[in-house]
Amino acid sequence: MAKILLVDDQPDIRFVMGEFLESLGHEVIKASSAPSGLEMLESERPDLVFLDLTMPDMSGTEALAQIRRQEATRHTRVLLLTGSTSTEELDQARELGIEGIIPKPWQSADVASQIVAAMARS
């Protein structure tokens, strides 16, 4: 299964989503902020990143832009976690090359299918 980096500032989201991902057989690494997630991305080299859109200090789109600028992480698969309905933010994330959007609250089947689809892309 995949090694997944889960980046979300809300402890309950990290816990519940982390438990769900582990129940699917994935290895889960958690970060509570975009800056710490970026550090972990470089050291842990996950197969997939779940990135919250709205976080203090640095937004998910700002973090995604940094991921795409770095040669070592440019092709990292990223799924966006969001409760936002802002088409501007979501369009910006799409332009930066996210693999998919997981709305909060999420549906388990949707999360599982998006992981499979993201991992199938090369």
N, C-alpha and C. Protein backbone atom coordinates (compact mmCIF):
# COMPACT_ATOMS: atom_id res chain seq x y z
N MET A 1 0.83 -1.18 0.00
CA MET A 1 0.00 0.00 0.00
C MET A 1 0.88 1.25 0.00
N ALA A 2 0.26 2.41 0.08
CA ALA A 2 0.98 3.68 -0.06
C ALA A 2 1.45 4.24 1.27
N LYS A 3 2.50 5.01 1.18
CA LYS A 3 2.96 5.82 2.31
C LYS A 3 2.35 7.20 2.09
N ILE A 4 1.50 7.65 3.04
CA ILE A 4 0.73 8.87 2.88
C ILE A 4 1.12 9.90 3.94
N LEU A 5 1.39 11.11 3.49
CA LEU A 5 1.62 12.24 4.38
C LEU A 5 0.30 13.00 4.50
N LEU A 6 -0.21 13.10 5.71
CA LEU A 6 -1.48 13.79 5.99
C LEU A 6 -1.17 15.12 6.66
N VAL A 7 -1.46 16.22 5.98
CA VAL A 7 -1.15 17.56 6.49
C VAL A 7 -2.47 18.30 6.75
N ASP A 8 -2.77 18.50 8.03
CA ASP A 8 -3.99 19.21 8.41
C ASP A 8 -3.76 19.81 9.79
N ASP A 9 -4.22 21.05 9.98
CA ASP A 9 -4.01 21.73 11.26
C ASP A 9 -5.00 21.29 12.33
N GLN A 10 -6.04 20.56 11.98
CA GLN A 10 -7.04 20.13 12.95
C GLN A 10 -6.72 18.73 13.47
N PRO A 11 -6.43 18.60 14.78
CA PRO A 11 -6.07 17.30 15.35
C PRO A 11 -7.12 16.21 15.12
N ASP A 12 -8.41 16.57 15.21
CA ASP A 12 -9.45 15.56 15.01
C ASP A 12 -9.47 15.04 13.57
N ILE A 13 -9.21 15.91 12.62
CA ILE A 13 -9.14 15.47 11.21
C ILE A 13 -7.95 14.54 11.02
N ARG A 14 -6.80 14.94 11.58
CA ARG A 14 -5.61 14.08 11.46
C ARG A 14 -5.87 12.71 12.07
N PHE A 15 -6.54 12.69 13.23
CA PHE A 15 -6.79 11.43 13.90
C PHE A 15 -7.75 10.55 13.09
N VAL A 16 -8.93 11.09 12.77
CA VAL A 16 -9.95 10.29 12.09
C VAL A 16 -9.50 9.86 10.69
N MET A 17 -8.97 10.79 9.91
CA MET A 17 -8.51 10.43 8.57
C MET A 17 -7.33 9.46 8.67
N GLY A 18 -6.43 9.72 9.61
CA GLY A 18 -5.29 8.82 9.79
C GLY A 18 -5.72 7.40 10.11
N GLU A 19 -6.68 7.26 11.02
CA GLU A 19 -7.20 5.93 11.37
C GLU A 19 -7.83 5.26 10.16
N PHE A 20 -8.60 6.03 9.40
CA PHE A 20 -9.24 5.47 8.21
C PHE A 20 -8.20 4.99 7.20
N LEU A 21 -7.21 5.83 6.92
CA LEU A 21 -6.18 5.46 5.95
C LEU A 21 -5.40 4.23 6.41
N GLU A 22 -5.10 4.16 7.70
CA GLU A 22 -4.41 2.98 8.23
C GLU A 22 -5.28 1.74 8.12
N SER A 23 -6.60 1.89 8.30
CA SER A 23 -7.50 0.74 8.17
C SER A 23 -7.51 0.19 6.75
N LEU A 24 -7.15 1.05 5.78
CA LEU A 24 -7.05 0.60 4.39
C LEU A 24 -5.69 -0.03 4.09
N GLY A 25 -4.81 -0.02 5.09
CA GLY A 25 -3.50 -0.64 4.94
C GLY A 25 -2.37 0.30 4.58
N HIS A 26 -2.62 1.60 4.59
CA HIS A 26 -1.59 2.58 4.25
C HIS A 26 -0.76 2.96 5.47
N GLU A 27 0.47 3.33 5.23
CA GLU A 27 1.32 3.89 6.27
C GLU A 27 1.05 5.39 6.27
N VAL A 28 0.77 5.96 7.45
CA VAL A 28 0.38 7.36 7.53
C VAL A 28 1.37 8.13 8.40
N ILE A 29 1.83 9.25 7.86
CA ILE A 29 2.70 10.20 8.56
C ILE A 29 1.88 11.47 8.66
N LYS A 30 1.90 12.12 9.83
CA LYS A 30 1.04 13.29 10.04
C LYS A 30 1.85 14.54 10.33
N ALA A 31 1.35 15.66 9.79
CA ALA A 31 1.94 16.97 10.06
C ALA A 31 0.80 17.93 10.39
N SER A 32 1.06 18.84 11.35
CA SER A 32 0.01 19.75 11.80
C SER A 32 0.03 21.11 11.12
N SER A 33 1.00 21.32 10.22
CA SER A 33 1.08 22.59 9.51
C SER A 33 1.73 22.35 8.15
N ALA A 34 1.53 23.31 7.26
CA ALA A 34 2.15 23.20 5.93
C ALA A 34 3.68 23.23 6.02
N PRO A 35 4.29 24.15 6.82
CA PRO A 35 5.75 24.13 6.90
C PRO A 35 6.31 22.80 7.42
N SER A 36 5.68 22.23 8.45
CA SER A 36 6.19 20.94 8.93
C SER A 36 5.91 19.84 7.91
N GLY A 37 4.80 19.94 7.19
CA GLY A 37 4.52 18.98 6.14
C GLY A 37 5.54 19.02 5.03
N LEU A 38 5.97 20.22 4.66
CA LEU A 38 7.00 20.36 3.62
C LEU A 38 8.32 19.74 4.07
N GLU A 39 8.67 19.91 5.34
CA GLU A 39 9.89 19.28 5.87
C GLU A 39 9.76 17.77 5.81
N MET A 40 8.61 17.25 6.24
CA MET A 40 8.40 15.80 6.25
C MET A 40 8.37 15.23 4.83
N LEU A 41 7.86 16.01 3.90
CA LEU A 41 7.82 15.57 2.51
C LEU A 41 9.23 15.27 2.01
N GLU A 42 10.16 16.14 2.34
CA GLU A 42 11.53 15.93 1.89
C GLU A 42 12.21 14.77 2.60
N SER A 43 11.95 14.61 3.90
CA SER A 43 12.64 13.55 4.64
C SER A 43 11.98 12.18 4.49
N GLU A 44 10.66 12.14 4.35
CA GLU A 44 9.93 10.88 4.33
C GLU A 44 9.63 10.34 2.93
N ARG A 45 9.60 11.20 1.94
CA ARG A 45 9.32 10.81 0.55
C ARG A 45 8.06 9.94 0.43
N PRO A 46 6.89 10.48 0.82
CA PRO A 46 5.66 9.70 0.71
C PRO A 46 5.23 9.50 -0.74
N ASP A 47 4.37 8.51 -0.94
CA ASP A 47 3.81 8.25 -2.26
C ASP A 47 2.70 9.23 -2.60
N LEU A 48 2.04 9.74 -1.56
CA LEU A 48 0.86 10.57 -1.74
C LEU A 48 0.76 11.54 -0.57
N VAL A 49 0.28 12.76 -0.83
CA VAL A 49 0.09 13.77 0.21
C VAL A 49 -1.38 14.17 0.24
N PHE A 50 -1.96 14.14 1.43
CA PHE A 50 -3.28 14.72 1.67
C PHE A 50 -3.00 16.08 2.28
N LEU A 51 -3.41 17.14 1.61
CA LEU A 51 -3.06 18.51 2.00
C LEU A 51 -4.32 19.33 2.23
N ASP A 52 -4.45 19.85 3.46
CA ASP A 52 -5.58 20.71 3.78
C ASP A 52 -5.41 22.03 3.05
N LEU A 53 -6.50 22.58 2.56
CA LEU A 53 -6.44 23.84 1.84
C LEU A 53 -6.28 25.04 2.77
N THR A 54 -7.02 25.05 3.87
CA THR A 54 -7.05 26.21 4.75
C THR A 54 -6.32 25.91 6.05
N MET A 55 -5.13 26.48 6.20
CA MET A 55 -4.33 26.32 7.42
C MET A 55 -3.70 27.66 7.77
N PRO A 56 -3.43 27.88 9.06
CA PRO A 56 -2.73 29.12 9.44
C PRO A 56 -1.27 29.04 8.97
N ASP A 57 -0.62 30.15 8.91
CA ASP A 57 0.80 30.26 8.52
C ASP A 57 1.03 30.11 7.02
N MET A 58 0.47 29.06 6.43
CA MET A 58 0.65 28.82 4.99
C MET A 58 -0.53 28.01 4.49
N SER A 59 -1.16 28.47 3.42
CA SER A 59 -2.31 27.74 2.88
C SER A 59 -1.85 26.50 2.12
N GLY A 60 -2.80 25.63 1.86
CA GLY A 60 -2.50 24.45 1.07
C GLY A 60 -2.02 24.78 -0.33
N THR A 61 -2.59 25.84 -0.94
CA THR A 61 -2.14 26.20 -2.29
C THR A 61 -0.73 26.77 -2.26
N GLU A 62 -0.38 27.51 -1.21
CA GLU A 62 1.00 28.01 -1.09
C GLU A 62 1.97 26.84 -0.92
N ALA A 63 1.58 25.87 -0.10
CA ALA A 63 2.43 24.69 0.10
C ALA A 63 2.54 23.89 -1.20
N LEU A 64 1.43 23.76 -1.91
CA LEU A 64 1.44 23.04 -3.18
C LEU A 64 2.36 23.72 -4.19
N ALA A 65 2.33 25.04 -4.23
CA ALA A 65 3.21 25.78 -5.13
C ALA A 65 4.67 25.48 -4.80
N GLN A 66 5.00 25.40 -3.51
CA GLN A 66 6.38 25.07 -3.13
C GLN A 66 6.74 23.65 -3.53
N ILE A 67 5.79 22.74 -3.36
CA ILE A 67 6.02 21.34 -3.75
C ILE A 67 6.34 21.27 -5.24
N ARG A 68 5.60 22.00 -6.04
CA ARG A 68 5.78 21.96 -7.49
C ARG A 68 7.06 22.66 -7.95
N ARG A 69 7.56 23.62 -7.17
CA ARG A 69 8.79 24.33 -7.54
C ARG A 69 10.06 23.51 -7.28
N GLN A 70 10.00 22.57 -6.37
CA GLN A 70 11.18 21.78 -6.02
C GLN A 70 11.33 20.58 -6.95
N GLU A 71 12.49 20.41 -7.49
CA GLU A 71 12.75 19.30 -8.41
C GLU A 71 12.44 17.95 -7.76
N ALA A 72 12.85 17.78 -6.51
CA ALA A 72 12.68 16.49 -5.83
C ALA A 72 11.22 16.14 -5.53
N THR A 73 10.36 17.15 -5.43
CA THR A 73 8.97 16.89 -5.05
C THR A 73 7.97 17.26 -6.14
N ARG A 74 8.45 17.78 -7.22
CA ARG A 74 7.60 18.29 -8.30
C ARG A 74 6.50 17.31 -8.74
N HIS A 75 6.82 16.02 -8.76
CA HIS A 75 5.87 15.03 -9.28
C HIS A 75 5.12 14.28 -8.17
N THR A 76 5.20 14.78 -6.96
CA THR A 76 4.49 14.16 -5.84
C THR A 76 2.99 14.25 -6.06
N ARG A 77 2.31 13.16 -5.82
CA ARG A 77 0.85 13.12 -5.96
C ARG A 77 0.23 13.81 -4.74
N VAL A 78 -0.71 14.73 -5.00
CA VAL A 78 -1.34 15.49 -3.92
C VAL A 78 -2.86 15.47 -4.08
N LEU A 79 -3.53 15.09 -2.99
CA LEU A 79 -4.99 15.20 -2.90
C LEU A 79 -5.29 16.33 -1.94
N LEU A 80 -6.18 17.19 -2.31
CA LEU A 80 -6.53 18.36 -1.51
C LEU A 80 -7.71 18.03 -0.61
N LEU A 81 -7.56 18.31 0.69
CA LEU A 81 -8.66 18.18 1.65
C LEU A 81 -9.23 19.57 1.87
N THR A 82 -10.53 19.73 1.74
CA THR A 82 -11.07 21.08 1.92
C THR A 82 -12.55 21.10 2.26
N GLY A 83 -12.88 22.08 3.05
CA GLY A 83 -14.28 22.40 3.30
C GLY A 83 -14.68 23.63 2.51
N SER A 84 -13.75 24.18 1.77
CA SER A 84 -13.96 25.40 1.01
C SER A 84 -14.75 25.13 -0.26
N THR A 85 -15.56 26.12 -0.61
CA THR A 85 -16.27 26.05 -1.88
C THR A 85 -15.81 27.17 -2.81
N SER A 86 -14.71 27.81 -2.44
CA SER A 86 -14.18 28.91 -3.24
C SER A 86 -13.65 28.37 -4.57
N THR A 87 -14.32 28.72 -5.65
CA THR A 87 -13.88 28.23 -6.95
C THR A 87 -12.51 28.80 -7.31
N GLU A 88 -12.21 30.01 -6.85
CA GLU A 88 -10.90 30.60 -7.14
C GLU A 88 -9.77 29.77 -6.52
N GLU A 89 -9.93 29.40 -5.25
CA GLU A 89 -8.90 28.59 -4.58
C GLU A 89 -8.79 27.21 -5.21
N LEU A 90 -9.92 26.60 -5.49
CA LEU A 90 -9.91 25.26 -6.07
C LEU A 90 -9.34 25.27 -7.49
N ASP A 91 -9.66 26.29 -8.26
CA ASP A 91 -9.09 26.42 -9.60
C ASP A 91 -7.57 26.60 -9.54
N GLN A 92 -7.11 27.40 -8.58
CA GLN A 92 -5.67 27.60 -8.41
C GLN A 92 -4.99 26.28 -8.07
N ALA A 93 -5.60 25.50 -7.20
CA ALA A 93 -5.03 24.19 -6.84
C ALA A 93 -5.00 23.26 -8.05
N ARG A 94 -6.05 23.28 -8.85
CA ARG A 94 -6.07 22.45 -10.06
C ARG A 94 -4.96 22.86 -11.03
N GLU A 95 -4.75 24.16 -11.17
CA GLU A 95 -3.69 24.65 -12.06
C GLU A 95 -2.31 24.20 -11.57
N LEU A 96 -2.17 24.03 -10.27
CA LEU A 96 -0.90 23.58 -9.70
C LEU A 96 -0.74 22.07 -9.76
N GLY A 97 -1.76 21.38 -10.24
CA GLY A 97 -1.63 19.95 -10.51
C GLY A 97 -1.98 19.02 -9.38
N ILE A 98 -3.11 19.26 -8.70
CA ILE A 98 -3.54 18.29 -7.70
C ILE A 98 -4.14 17.07 -8.39
N GLU A 99 -4.11 15.95 -7.69
CA GLU A 99 -4.66 14.71 -8.24
C GLU A 99 -6.18 14.65 -8.05
N GLY A 100 -6.67 15.35 -7.03
CA GLY A 100 -8.10 15.32 -6.76
C GLY A 100 -8.44 16.16 -5.55
N ILE A 101 -9.73 16.31 -5.32
CA ILE A 101 -10.24 17.10 -4.20
C ILE A 101 -11.12 16.21 -3.35
N ILE A 102 -10.83 16.18 -2.05
CA ILE A 102 -11.65 15.45 -1.11
C ILE A 102 -12.36 16.48 -0.24
N PRO A 103 -13.69 16.60 -0.40
CA PRO A 103 -14.41 17.59 0.39
C PRO A 103 -14.56 17.14 1.85
N LYS A 104 -14.56 18.12 2.74
CA LYS A 104 -14.87 17.86 4.15
C LYS A 104 -16.33 18.22 4.36
N PRO A 105 -17.13 17.40 4.97
CA PRO A 105 -16.80 16.04 5.42
C PRO A 105 -16.69 15.09 4.22
N TRP A 106 -15.86 14.10 4.36
CA TRP A 106 -15.59 13.19 3.25
C TRP A 106 -16.42 11.93 3.36
N GLN A 107 -16.50 11.24 2.24
CA GLN A 107 -17.14 9.93 2.16
C GLN A 107 -16.02 8.90 2.03
N SER A 108 -16.06 7.86 2.84
CA SER A 108 -15.00 6.85 2.84
C SER A 108 -14.75 6.26 1.46
N ALA A 109 -15.81 5.93 0.75
CA ALA A 109 -15.65 5.33 -0.59
C ALA A 109 -14.97 6.30 -1.54
N ASP A 110 -15.28 7.61 -1.42
CA ASP A 110 -14.66 8.62 -2.26
C ASP A 110 -13.17 8.71 -1.98
N VAL A 111 -12.80 8.71 -0.71
CA VAL A 111 -11.38 8.78 -0.34
C VAL A 111 -10.64 7.58 -0.90
N ALA A 112 -11.19 6.40 -0.69
CA ALA A 112 -10.54 5.17 -1.17
C ALA A 112 -10.39 5.18 -2.69
N SER A 113 -11.42 5.60 -3.41
CA SER A 113 -11.33 5.61 -4.87
C SER A 113 -10.35 6.66 -5.37
N GLN A 114 -10.28 7.81 -4.69
CA GLN A 114 -9.33 8.84 -5.11
C GLN A 114 -7.88 8.40 -4.87
N ILE A 115 -7.65 7.65 -3.82
CA ILE A 115 -6.30 7.13 -3.58
C ILE A 115 -5.92 6.18 -4.70
N VAL A 116 -6.80 5.27 -5.04
CA VAL A 116 -6.53 4.31 -6.11
C VAL A 116 -6.26 5.05 -7.43
N ALA A 117 -7.09 6.03 -7.74
CA ALA A 117 -6.91 6.78 -8.99
C ALA A 117 -5.60 7.56 -9.00
N ALA A 118 -5.28 8.20 -7.88
CA ALA A 118 -4.03 8.98 -7.80
C ALA A 118 -2.81 8.07 -7.93
N MET A 119 -2.85 6.92 -7.30
CA MET A 119 -1.71 6.01 -7.35
C MET A 119 -1.57 5.34 -8.72
N ALA A 120 -2.65 5.27 -9.47
CA ALA A 120 -2.60 4.66 -10.81
C ALA A 120 -1.95 5.58 -11.82
N ARG A 121 -1.97 6.89 -11.54
CA ARG A 121 -1.35 7.84 -12.46
C ARG A 121 0.17 7.79 -12.29
N SER A 122 0.87 7.90 -13.39
CA SER A 122 2.34 7.88 -13.27
C SER A 122 2.92 9.26 -13.41
